[in-house]
Amino acid sequence: MLSFQLQSAIKELDALIALSLEDIENIKEAKHNPQFDRLSIKEEKIKSFEHKKAMIDHEISKLMTQEPVKPLSELLDEEQHQQLETLKLRLNTLRTVNQQYAKMVLSVGAFFNTLLERIMPTQMHGYRSVATRDSAFLEVRA
């Protein structure tokens, strides 16, 4: 059962990594709609991974309570040790890919905010941002 849960969790992580890499490629090409479309899929994969991780924790806990004197390294077979190592590597890969994606998102967001501020400068009035009349290169005529 533990091996099955580990393998399932690895597959979920692989899917999340692939989706995040697609997001990176789409942001490079300014294709934002596919990213928004994949958001619900990514949320489902994250929930599924969290569930599988909880099941892994439960299975390991069950093994440890059955034989409390043995260390965990003796309770798991070689395949399970390898799967745990693979799980750890995939988690690190996902973290790296998500960091790269986050940097790109922040850069694009800063670019659009700067562009918007140049088109329609704003000033803060209390907690509200209000457009000023001194637009740089935007003129609206009615």
C-alpha atoms as a PDB file:
ATOM      1  CA  MET A   1       0.000   0.000   0.000  1.00  0.00           C
ATOM      2  CA  LEU A   2       2.826   2.407   0.874  1.00  0.00           C
ATOM      3  CA  SER A   3       4.575   1.772  -2.437  1.00  0.00           C
ATOM      4  CA  PHE A   4       1.360   2.470  -4.316  1.00  0.00           C
ATOM      5  CA  GLN A   5       0.818   5.760  -2.451  1.00  0.00           C
ATOM      6  CA  LEU A   6       4.432   6.818  -3.054  1.00  0.00           C
ATOM      7  CA  GLN A   7       4.162   6.054  -6.759  1.00  0.00           C
ATOM      8  CA  SER A   8       0.871   7.953  -7.009  1.00  0.00           C
ATOM      9  CA  ALA A   9       2.350  10.973  -5.236  1.00  0.00           C
ATOM     10  CA  ILE A  10       5.329  10.966  -7.608  1.00  0.00           C
ATOM     11  CA  LYS A  11       2.957  10.920 -10.600  1.00  0.00           C
ATOM     12  CA  GLU A  12       1.041  13.906  -9.182  1.00  0.00           C
ATOM     13  CA  LEU A  13       4.287  15.818  -8.720  1.00  0.00           C
ATOM     14  CA  ASP A  14       5.352  14.995 -12.280  1.00  0.00           C
ATOM     15  CA  ALA A  15       2.038  16.347 -13.545  1.00  0.00           C
ATOM     16  CA  LEU A  16       2.416  19.536 -11.481  1.00  0.00           C
ATOM     17  CA  ILE A  17       5.955  20.040 -12.791  1.00  0.00           C
ATOM     18  CA  ALA A  18       4.750  19.588 -16.381  1.00  0.00           C
ATOM     19  CA  LEU A  19       1.896  22.073 -15.862  1.00  0.00           C
ATOM     20  CA  SER A  20       4.243  24.628 -14.320  1.00  0.00           C
ATOM     21  CA  LEU A  21       6.687  24.245 -17.222  1.00  0.00           C
ATOM     22  CA  GLU A  22       3.798  24.830 -19.636  1.00  0.00           C
ATOM     23  CA  ASP A  23       2.925  27.973 -17.670  1.00  0.00           C
ATOM     24  CA  ILE A  24       6.500  29.206 -18.029  1.00  0.00           C
ATOM     25  CA  GLU A  25       6.438  28.663 -21.776  1.00  0.00           C
ATOM     26  CA  ASN A  26       3.063  30.382 -22.078  1.00  0.00           C
ATOM     27  CA  ILE A  27       4.172  33.400 -20.069  1.00  0.00           C
ATOM     28  CA  LYS A  28       7.192  33.741 -22.370  1.00  0.00           C
ATOM     29  CA  GLU A  29       4.820  33.835 -25.337  1.00  0.00           C
ATOM     30  CA  ALA A  30       2.298  36.105 -23.556  1.00  0.00           C
ATOM     31  CA  LYS A  31      -0.399  33.412 -23.720  1.00  0.00           C
ATOM     32  CA  HIS A  32      -2.189  34.088 -20.468  1.00  0.00           C
ATOM     33  CA  ASN A  33      -5.540  32.375 -21.032  1.00  0.00           C
ATOM     34  CA  PRO A  34      -4.132  28.815 -21.045  1.00  0.00           C
ATOM     35  CA  GLN A  35      -2.523  29.544 -17.686  1.00  0.00           C
ATOM     36  CA  PHE A  36      -5.863  30.587 -16.223  1.00  0.00           C
ATOM     37  CA  ASP A  37      -7.515  27.514 -17.753  1.00  0.00           C
ATOM     38  CA  ARG A  38      -4.965  25.228 -16.075  1.00  0.00           C
ATOM     39  CA  LEU A  39      -5.428  26.806 -12.663  1.00  0.00           C
ATOM     40  CA  SER A  40      -8.277  24.494 -11.631  1.00  0.00           C
ATOM     41  CA  ILE A  41      -6.342  21.469 -12.873  1.00  0.00           C
ATOM     42  CA  LYS A  42      -3.319  22.497 -10.803  1.00  0.00           C
ATOM     43  CA  GLU A  43      -5.506  23.014  -7.732  1.00  0.00           C
ATOM     44  CA  GLU A  44      -6.945  19.514  -8.138  1.00  0.00           C
ATOM     45  CA  LYS A  45      -3.457  18.030  -8.517  1.00  0.00           C
ATOM     46  CA  ILE A  46      -2.264  19.847  -5.391  1.00  0.00           C
ATOM     47  CA  LYS A  47      -5.227  18.574  -3.359  1.00  0.00           C
ATOM     48  CA  SER A  48      -4.670  15.073  -4.700  1.00  0.00           C
ATOM     49  CA  PHE A  49      -0.978  15.219  -3.796  1.00  0.00           C
ATOM     50  CA  GLU A  50      -1.759  16.485  -0.294  1.00  0.00           C
ATOM     51  CA  HIS A  51      -4.217  13.596   0.168  1.00  0.00           C
ATOM     52  CA  LYS A  52      -1.656  11.076  -1.047  1.00  0.00           C
ATOM     53  CA  LYS A  53       1.000  12.559   1.219  1.00  0.00           C
ATOM     54  CA  ALA A  54      -1.354  12.212   4.174  1.00  0.00           C
ATOM     55  CA  MET A  55      -1.889   8.574   3.219  1.00  0.00           C
ATOM     56  CA  ILE A  56       1.893   8.055   3.037  1.00  0.00           C
ATOM     57  CA  ASP A  57       2.276   9.598   6.479  1.00  0.00           C
ATOM     58  CA  HIS A  58      -0.483   7.347   7.798  1.00  0.00           C
ATOM     59  CA  GLU A  59       1.106   4.204   6.318  1.00  0.00           C
ATOM     60  CA  ILE A  60       4.541   5.074   7.724  1.00  0.00           C
ATOM     61  CA  SER A  61       3.011   5.842  11.109  1.00  0.00           C
ATOM     62  CA  LYS A  62       1.194   2.504  11.040  1.00  0.00           C
ATOM     63  CA  LEU A  63       4.438   0.678  10.265  1.00  0.00           C
ATOM     64  CA  MET A  64       6.229   2.439  13.092  1.00  0.00           C
ATOM     65  CA  THR A  65       3.507   1.631  15.635  1.00  0.00           C
ATOM     66  CA  GLN A  66       3.503  -2.047  14.603  1.00  0.00           C
ATOM     67  CA  GLU A  67       7.228  -2.310  15.289  1.00  0.00           C
ATOM     68  CA  PRO A  68       8.258   0.591  17.530  1.00  0.00           C
ATOM     69  CA  VAL A  69      11.758  -0.699  18.300  1.00  0.00           C
ATOM     70  CA  LYS A  70      12.891  -0.839  14.659  1.00  0.00           C
ATOM     71  CA  PRO A  71      14.120   2.326  12.949  1.00  0.00           C
ATOM     72  CA  LEU A  72      12.267   3.495   9.852  1.00  0.00           C
ATOM     73  CA  SER A  73      15.186   2.524   7.621  1.00  0.00           C
ATOM     74  CA  GLU A  74      14.619  -1.132   8.562  1.00  0.00           C
ATOM     75  CA  LEU A  75      10.840  -0.985   8.145  1.00  0.00           C
ATOM     76  CA  LEU A  76      10.973   0.081   4.494  1.00  0.00           C
ATOM     77  CA  ASP A  77      12.231  -2.053   1.636  1.00  0.00           C
ATOM     78  CA  GLU A  78      14.707  -0.876  -1.003  1.00  0.00           C
ATOM     79  CA  GLU A  79      11.975   0.086  -3.478  1.00  0.00           C
ATOM     80  CA  GLN A  80      10.237   2.276  -0.891  1.00  0.00           C
ATOM     81  CA  HIS A  81      13.523   3.963   0.028  1.00  0.00           C
ATOM     82  CA  GLN A  82      14.082   4.701  -3.661  1.00  0.00           C
ATOM     83  CA  GLN A  83      10.543   6.032  -4.049  1.00  0.00           C
ATOM     84  CA  LEU A  84      10.988   8.322  -1.042  1.00  0.00           C
ATOM     85  CA  GLU A  85      14.210   9.654  -2.561  1.00  0.00           C
ATOM     86  CA  THR A  86      12.458  10.192  -5.903  1.00  0.00           C
ATOM     87  CA  LEU A  87       9.622  11.985  -4.109  1.00  0.00           C
ATOM     88  CA  LYS A  88      12.131  14.286  -2.432  1.00  0.00           C
ATOM     89  CA  LEU A  89      13.854  15.046  -5.750  1.00  0.00           C
ATOM     90  CA  ARG A  90      10.532  15.788  -7.473  1.00  0.00           C
ATOM     91  CA  LEU A  91       9.533  18.135  -4.649  1.00  0.00           C
ATOM     92  CA  ASN A  92      12.804  20.019  -5.056  1.00  0.00           C
ATOM     93  CA  THR A  93      12.294  20.190  -8.818  1.00  0.00           C
ATOM     94  CA  LEU A  94       8.765  21.532  -8.364  1.00  0.00           C
ATOM     95  CA  ARG A  95      10.069  24.140  -5.923  1.00  0.00           C
ATOM     96  CA  THR A  96      12.723  25.280  -8.413  1.00  0.00           C
ATOM     97  CA  VAL A  97      10.264  25.438 -11.317  1.00  0.00           C
ATOM     98  CA  ASN A  98       7.736  27.362  -9.205  1.00  0.00           C
ATOM     99  CA  GLN A  99      10.421  29.846  -8.143  1.00  0.00           C
ATOM    100  CA  GLN A 100      11.280  30.457 -11.793  1.00  0.00           C
ATOM    101  CA  TYR A 101       7.599  30.886 -12.646  1.00  0.00           C
ATOM    102  CA  ALA A 102       7.057  33.271  -9.724  1.00  0.00           C
ATOM    103  CA  LYS A 103       9.948  35.470 -10.872  1.00  0.00           C
ATOM    104  CA  MET A 104       8.442  35.686 -14.339  1.00  0.00           C
ATOM    105  CA  VAL A 105       4.970  36.474 -12.983  1.00  0.00           C
ATOM    106  CA  LEU A 106       6.357  39.238 -10.781  1.00  0.00           C
ATOM    107  CA  SER A 107       8.301  40.703 -13.698  1.00  0.00           C
ATOM    108  CA  VAL A 108       5.287  40.692 -15.999  1.00  0.00           C
ATOM    109  CA  GLY A 109       3.076  42.135 -13.254  1.00  0.00           C
ATOM    110  CA  ALA A 110       5.561  44.924 -12.544  1.00  0.00           C
ATOM    111  CA  PHE A 111       5.773  45.685 -16.268  1.00  0.00           C
ATOM    112  CA  PHE A 112       2.001  45.981 -16.628  1.00  0.00           C
ATOM    113  CA  ASN A 113       1.658  48.064 -13.464  1.00  0.00           C
ATOM    114  CA  THR A 114       4.383  50.449 -14.677  1.00  0.00           C
ATOM    115  CA  LEU A 115       2.749  50.674 -18.097  1.00  0.00           C
ATOM    116  CA  LEU A 116      -0.648  51.375 -16.554  1.00  0.00           C
ATOM    117  CA  GLU A 117       0.857  54.030 -14.275  1.00  0.00           C
ATOM    118  CA  ARG A 118       2.426  55.750 -17.297  1.00  0.00           C
ATOM    119  CA  ILE A 119      -0.816  55.648 -19.245  1.00  0.00           C
ATOM    120  CA  MET A 120      -3.037  56.743 -16.362  1.00  0.00           C
ATOM    121  CA  PRO A 121      -1.053  58.188 -13.459  1.00  0.00           C
ATOM    122  CA  THR A 122      -2.761  57.831 -10.087  1.00  0.00           C
ATOM    123  CA  GLN A 123      -2.499  59.439  -6.692  1.00  0.00           C
ATOM    124  CA  MET A 124      -3.521  58.023  -3.362  1.00  0.00           C
ATOM    125  CA  HIS A 125      -6.416  59.781  -1.654  1.00  0.00           C
ATOM    126  CA  GLY A 126      -6.680  58.026   1.676  1.00  0.00           C
ATOM    127  CA  TYR A 127      -6.953  54.332   0.862  1.00  0.00           C
ATOM    128  CA  ARG A 128      -8.203  54.903  -2.652  1.00  0.00           C
ATOM    129  CA  SER A 129      -6.124  55.260  -5.803  1.00  0.00           C
ATOM    130  CA  VAL A 130      -7.530  58.004  -8.038  1.00  0.00           C
ATOM    131  CA  ALA A 131      -6.462  58.811 -11.608  1.00  0.00           C
ATOM    132  CA  THR A 132      -4.945  62.257 -12.043  1.00  0.00           C
ATOM    133  CA  ARG A 133      -5.707  64.576 -14.901  1.00  0.00           C
ATOM    134  CA  ASP A 134      -2.074  64.678 -16.023  1.00  0.00           C
ATOM    135  CA  SER A 135      -1.987  61.586 -18.242  1.00  0.00           C
ATOM    136  CA  ALA A 136       1.327  61.049 -20.012  1.00  0.00           C
ATOM    137  CA  PHE A 137       0.113  59.981 -23.447  1.00  0.00           C
ATOM    138  CA  LEU A 138      -3.557  59.171 -23.014  1.00  0.00           C
ATOM    139  CA  GLU A 139      -6.252  61.655 -23.803  1.00  0.00           C
ATOM    140  CA  VAL A 140      -9.922  60.834 -23.557  1.00  0.00           C
ATOM    141  CA  ARG A 141     -12.449  62.929 -25.451  1.00  0.00           C
ATOM    142  CA  ALA A 142     -16.160  62.602 -25.200  1.00  0.00           C
END
